[in-house]
C-alpha atoms as a PDB file:
ATOM      1  CA  UNK A   1     -10.493 -23.308  -0.957  1.00  0.00           C
ATOM      2  CA  UNK A   2     -12.707 -20.449  -2.026  1.00  0.00           C
ATOM      3  CA  UNK A   3     -11.795 -16.957  -3.297  1.00  0.00           C
ATOM      4  CA  UNK A   4     -13.739 -13.827  -2.463  1.00  0.00           C
ATOM      5  CA  UNK A   5     -12.829 -10.899  -4.718  1.00  0.00           C
ATOM      6  CA  UNK A   6     -14.248  -7.393  -4.396  1.00  0.00           C
ATOM      7  CA  UNK A   7     -13.039  -4.145  -6.048  1.00  0.00           C
ATOM      8  CA  UNK A   8     -13.866  -0.432  -5.913  1.00  0.00           C
ATOM      9  CA  UNK A   9     -12.655   2.616  -7.779  1.00  0.00           C
ATOM     10  CA  UNK A  10     -11.126   5.264  -5.437  1.00  0.00           C
ATOM     11  CA  UNK A  11     -10.820   8.984  -6.221  1.00  0.00           C
ATOM     12  CA  UNK A  12      -7.236   9.068  -4.833  1.00  0.00           C
ATOM     13  CA  UNK A  13      -3.822   8.265  -6.317  1.00  0.00           C
ATOM     14  CA  UNK A  14      -2.175   4.936  -5.518  1.00  0.00           C
ATOM     15  CA  UNK A  15       0.214   6.425  -2.965  1.00  0.00           C
ATOM     16  CA  UNK A  16      -2.626   7.790  -0.880  1.00  0.00           C
ATOM     17  CA  UNK A  17      -4.661   4.640  -1.220  1.00  0.00           C
ATOM     18  CA  UNK A  18      -1.546   2.667  -0.014  1.00  0.00           C
ATOM     19  CA  UNK A  19      -1.059   5.051   2.918  1.00  0.00           C
ATOM     20  CA  UNK A  20      -4.710   4.555   4.092  1.00  0.00           C
ATOM     21  CA  UNK A  21      -4.600   0.849   3.540  1.00  0.00           C
ATOM     22  CA  UNK A  22      -1.378   0.241   5.479  1.00  0.00           C
ATOM     23  CA  UNK A  23      -2.307   2.542   8.377  1.00  0.00           C
ATOM     24  CA  UNK A  24      -3.254  -0.688  10.133  1.00  0.00           C
ATOM     25  CA  UNK A  25      -4.389   0.702  13.482  1.00  0.00           C
ATOM     26  CA  UNK A  26      -6.726   3.228  11.736  1.00  0.00           C
ATOM     27  CA  UNK A  27      -8.448   0.469   9.678  1.00  0.00           C
ATOM     28  CA  UNK A  28     -11.362   0.483  12.124  1.00  0.00           C
ATOM     29  CA  UNK A  29     -12.302   3.847  10.532  1.00  0.00           C
ATOM     30  CA  UNK A  30     -13.372   1.966   7.402  1.00  0.00           C
ATOM     31  CA  UNK A  31     -13.359  -1.733   8.073  1.00  0.00           C
ATOM     32  CA  UNK A  32     -16.774  -2.881   9.285  1.00  0.00           C
ATOM     33  CA  UNK A  33     -16.895  -4.037  12.861  1.00  0.00           C
ATOM     34  CA  UNK A  34     -13.163  -4.635  13.027  1.00  0.00           C
ATOM     35  CA  UNK A  35     -10.179  -3.207  14.922  1.00  0.00           C
ATOM     36  CA  UNK A  36      -6.564  -3.986  13.874  1.00  0.00           C
ATOM     37  CA  UNK A  37      -3.362  -3.633  15.878  1.00  0.00           C
ATOM     38  CA  UNK A  38       0.252  -4.296  15.053  1.00  0.00           C
ATOM     39  CA  UNK A  39       2.344  -6.815  16.996  1.00  0.00           C
ATOM     40  CA  UNK A  40       6.032  -6.183  17.829  1.00  0.00           C
ATOM     41  CA  UNK A  41       6.489  -3.028  15.727  1.00  0.00           C
ATOM     42  CA  UNK A  42       4.972  -0.990  12.930  1.00  0.00           C
ATOM     43  CA  UNK A  43       4.224  -3.853  10.476  1.00  0.00           C
ATOM     44  CA  UNK A  44       5.471  -2.017   7.463  1.00  0.00           C
ATOM     45  CA  UNK A  45       7.041  -4.824   5.535  1.00  0.00           C
ATOM     46  CA  UNK A  46       7.421  -8.559   5.106  1.00  0.00           C
ATOM     47  CA  UNK A  47       7.135 -10.450   8.421  1.00  0.00           C
ATOM     48  CA  UNK A  48       5.140  -7.679  10.035  1.00  0.00           C
ATOM     49  CA  UNK A  49       2.455  -9.102  12.271  1.00  0.00           C
ATOM     50  CA  UNK A  50      -1.107  -7.959  12.806  1.00  0.00           C
ATOM     51  CA  UNK A  51      -4.062  -8.976  14.930  1.00  0.00           C
ATOM     52  CA  UNK A  52      -7.596  -8.065  13.987  1.00  0.00           C
ATOM     53  CA  UNK A  53     -10.809  -8.652  15.941  1.00  0.00           C
ATOM     54  CA  UNK A  54     -14.215  -8.543  14.250  1.00  0.00           C
ATOM     55  CA  UNK A  55     -17.394  -8.500  16.128  1.00  0.00           C
ATOM     56  CA  UNK A  56     -19.362  -6.525  18.693  1.00  0.00           C
ATOM     57  CA  UNK A  57     -17.949  -3.050  19.448  1.00  0.00           C
ATOM     58  CA  UNK A  58     -16.601  -2.368  22.946  1.00  0.00           C
ATOM     59  CA  UNK A  59     -15.768   0.942  24.580  1.00  0.00           C
ATOM     60  CA  UNK A  60     -12.428   2.276  23.390  1.00  0.00           C
ATOM     61  CA  UNK A  61     -12.833   1.145  19.786  1.00  0.00           C
ATOM     62  CA  UNK A  62     -12.006  -2.548  20.246  1.00  0.00           C
ATOM     63  CA  UNK A  63     -14.281  -5.451  19.349  1.00  0.00           C
ATOM     64  CA  UNK A  64     -15.407  -8.660  21.012  1.00  0.00           C
ATOM     65  CA  UNK A  65     -15.490 -11.490  18.486  1.00  0.00           C
ATOM     66  CA  UNK A  66     -13.382 -13.382  16.009  1.00  0.00           C
ATOM     67  CA  UNK A  67      -9.593 -13.056  16.404  1.00  0.00           C
ATOM     68  CA  UNK A  68      -7.644 -12.978  13.126  1.00  0.00           C
ATOM     69  CA  UNK A  69      -3.872 -13.168  13.306  1.00  0.00           C
ATOM     70  CA  UNK A  70      -1.837 -12.289  10.231  1.00  0.00           C
ATOM     71  CA  UNK A  71       1.737 -12.117   8.943  1.00  0.00           C
ATOM     72  CA  UNK A  72       2.663  -9.876   6.029  1.00  0.00           C
ATOM     73  CA  UNK A  73       4.126 -12.119   3.254  1.00  0.00           C
ATOM     74  CA  UNK A  74       4.392  -9.628   0.310  1.00  0.00           C
ATOM     75  CA  UNK A  75       5.051  -5.925   0.420  1.00  0.00           C
ATOM     76  CA  UNK A  76       5.340  -3.931  -2.825  1.00  0.00           C
ATOM     77  CA  UNK A  77       4.318  -0.222  -2.202  1.00  0.00           C
ATOM     78  CA  UNK A  78       2.154   1.292  -3.518  1.00  0.00           C
ATOM     79  CA  UNK A  79       0.859  -1.738  -5.465  1.00  0.00           C
ATOM     80  CA  UNK A  80       0.455  -4.856  -3.329  1.00  0.00           C
ATOM     81  CA  UNK A  81       0.378  -6.159   0.163  1.00  0.00           C
ATOM     82  CA  UNK A  82      -0.411  -9.717   0.993  1.00  0.00           C
ATOM     83  CA  UNK A  83      -1.089 -11.115   4.449  1.00  0.00           C
ATOM     84  CA  UNK A  84      -1.293 -14.762   5.543  1.00  0.00           C
ATOM     85  CA  UNK A  85      -4.142 -15.358   7.944  1.00  0.00           C
ATOM     86  CA  UNK A  86      -2.748 -17.698  10.581  1.00  0.00           C
ATOM     87  CA  UNK A  87      -5.670 -18.168  13.016  1.00  0.00           C
ATOM     88  CA  UNK A  88      -7.653 -21.282  13.843  1.00  0.00           C
ATOM     89  CA  UNK A  89     -10.770 -20.115  11.965  1.00  0.00           C
ATOM     90  CA  UNK A  90      -9.497 -17.617   9.342  1.00  0.00           C
ATOM     91  CA  UNK A  91      -6.739 -19.132   7.284  1.00  0.00           C
ATOM     92  CA  UNK A  92      -5.274 -18.287   3.848  1.00  0.00           C
ATOM     93  CA  UNK A  93      -3.913 -15.240   2.034  1.00  0.00           C
ATOM     94  CA  UNK A  94      -5.543 -11.850   1.928  1.00  0.00           C
ATOM     95  CA  UNK A  95      -4.403  -9.845  -1.020  1.00  0.00           C
ATOM     96  CA  UNK A  96      -4.762  -6.092  -1.378  1.00  0.00           C
ATOM     97  CA  UNK A  97      -3.919  -4.682  -4.819  1.00  0.00           C
ATOM     98  CA  UNK A  98      -3.912  -1.087  -5.899  1.00  0.00           C
ATOM     99  CA  UNK A  99      -4.093  -0.414  -9.661  1.00  0.00           C
ATOM    100  CA  UNK A 100      -3.636   3.112 -11.143  1.00  0.00           C
ATOM    101  CA  UNK A 101      -6.755   4.431 -12.940  1.00  0.00           C
ATOM    102  CA  UNK A 102      -6.352   7.872 -14.459  1.00  0.00           C
ATOM    103  CA  UNK A 103      -6.050  10.322 -11.531  1.00  0.00           C
ATOM    104  CA  UNK A 104      -7.434   7.699  -9.186  1.00  0.00           C
ATOM    105  CA  UNK A 105      -7.016   4.045  -8.379  1.00  0.00           C
ATOM    106  CA  UNK A 106      -8.831   0.746  -8.276  1.00  0.00           C
ATOM    107  CA  UNK A 107      -8.489  -1.192  -4.978  1.00  0.00           C
ATOM    108  CA  UNK A 108      -8.921  -4.969  -5.267  1.00  0.00           C
ATOM    109  CA  UNK A 109      -9.436  -7.002  -2.107  1.00  0.00           C
ATOM    110  CA  UNK A 110      -9.054 -10.811  -2.413  1.00  0.00           C
ATOM    111  CA  UNK A 111      -9.526 -13.309   0.389  1.00  0.00           C
ATOM    112  CA  UNK A 112      -8.472 -16.885  -0.409  1.00  0.00           C
ATOM    113  CA  UNK A 113     -10.177 -18.861   2.352  1.00  0.00           C
ATOM    114  CA  UNK A 114      -9.028 -22.281   3.622  1.00  0.00           C
ATOM    115  CA  UNK A 115     -11.890 -23.208   5.978  1.00  0.00           C
ATOM    116  CA  UNK A 116     -11.037 -25.456   8.948  1.00  0.00           C
ATOM    117  CA  UNK A 117     -13.042 -28.567   9.928  1.00  0.00           C
ATOM    118  CA  UNK A 118     -13.195 -30.259   6.526  1.00  0.00           C
ATOM    119  CA  UNK A 119     -16.670 -30.439   4.941  1.00  0.00           C
ATOM    120  CA  UNK A 120     -18.271 -28.776   7.962  1.00  0.00           C
ATOM    121  CA  UNK A 121     -16.013 -25.754   7.546  1.00  0.00           C
ATOM    122  CA  UNK A 122     -16.648 -25.589   3.790  1.00  0.00           C
ATOM    123  CA  UNK A 123     -20.448 -25.631   4.476  1.00  0.00           C
ATOM    124  CA  UNK A 124     -19.989 -22.887   7.112  1.00  0.00           C
ATOM    125  CA  UNK A 125     -18.083 -20.736   4.615  1.00  0.00           C
ATOM    126  CA  UNK A 126     -20.707 -21.279   1.929  1.00  0.00           C
ATOM    127  CA  UNK A 127     -23.427 -20.167   4.352  1.00  0.00           C
ATOM    128  CA  UNK A 128     -21.443 -17.192   5.667  1.00  0.00           C
ATOM    129  CA  UNK A 129     -20.016 -16.032   2.384  1.00  0.00           C
ATOM    130  CA  UNK A 130     -22.885 -13.708   1.350  1.00  0.00           C
ATOM    131  CA  UNK A 131     -22.640 -11.862   4.642  1.00  0.00           C
ATOM    132  CA  UNK A 132     -18.809 -11.676   4.438  1.00  0.00           C
ATOM    133  CA  UNK A 133     -19.007 -10.378   0.850  1.00  0.00           C
ATOM    134  CA  UNK A 134     -21.592  -7.754   1.913  1.00  0.00           C
ATOM    135  CA  UNK A 135     -19.312  -6.665   4.793  1.00  0.00           C
ATOM    136  CA  UNK A 136     -16.284  -6.389   2.454  1.00  0.00           C
ATOM    137  CA  UNK A 137     -18.267  -4.348  -0.109  1.00  0.00           C
ATOM    138  CA  UNK A 138     -19.516  -2.001   2.578  1.00  0.00           C
ATOM    139  CA  UNK A 139     -15.991  -1.652   3.977  1.00  0.00           C
ATOM    140  CA  UNK A 140     -14.644  -0.908   0.543  1.00  0.00           C
ATOM    141  CA  UNK A 141     -17.193   1.902   0.057  1.00  0.00           C
ATOM    142  CA  UNK A 142     -16.137   3.314   3.432  1.00  0.00           C
ATOM    143  CA  UNK A 143     -12.467   2.973   2.469  1.00  0.00           C
ATOM    144  CA  UNK A 144     -13.013   4.849  -0.799  1.00  0.00           C
ATOM    145  CA  UNK A 145     -14.597   7.753   1.102  1.00  0.00           C
ATOM    146  CA  UNK A 146     -11.794   7.841   3.708  1.00  0.00           C
ATOM    147  CA  UNK A 147      -9.051   7.738   1.002  1.00  0.00           C
ATOM    148  CA  UNK A 148     -10.728  10.428  -1.110  1.00  0.00           C
ATOM    149  CA  UNK A 149     -10.902  12.859   1.738  1.00  0.00           C
ATOM    150  CA  UNK A 150      -7.423  12.355   3.185  1.00  0.00           C
ATOM    151  CA  UNK A 151      -4.844  15.036   2.328  1.00  0.00           C
END
């Protein structure tokens, strides 16, 4: 198991940060090379299901690449949402926390990864971690810009 934790200050109140974060199907606006869709409903609470695909962009805003299935396991607006990654490759909890900070917020994104394939998976994660961390940081910068400009 290995944790990846990134954070960013956002010039928006927690309620707006929450609204942008949980607008699942609009996450492609800020999440690098990823599109997200809900499964069987709006996914606005515990047991909501999501599917993300990260990779090469296709026409229509979708991506060809890694499929990431998730189930919402914790839902505490506007403070915390946790998803459990349930795919063959991406497994473990993803934790999104929003902390009040003056007139703004701090958004903390934690991925607790359980790589498959034993030692081979652990080695793959260690090799890919710098690129994943870079992508999360870039996505967070994009997120902060989107949240700051939303009404």
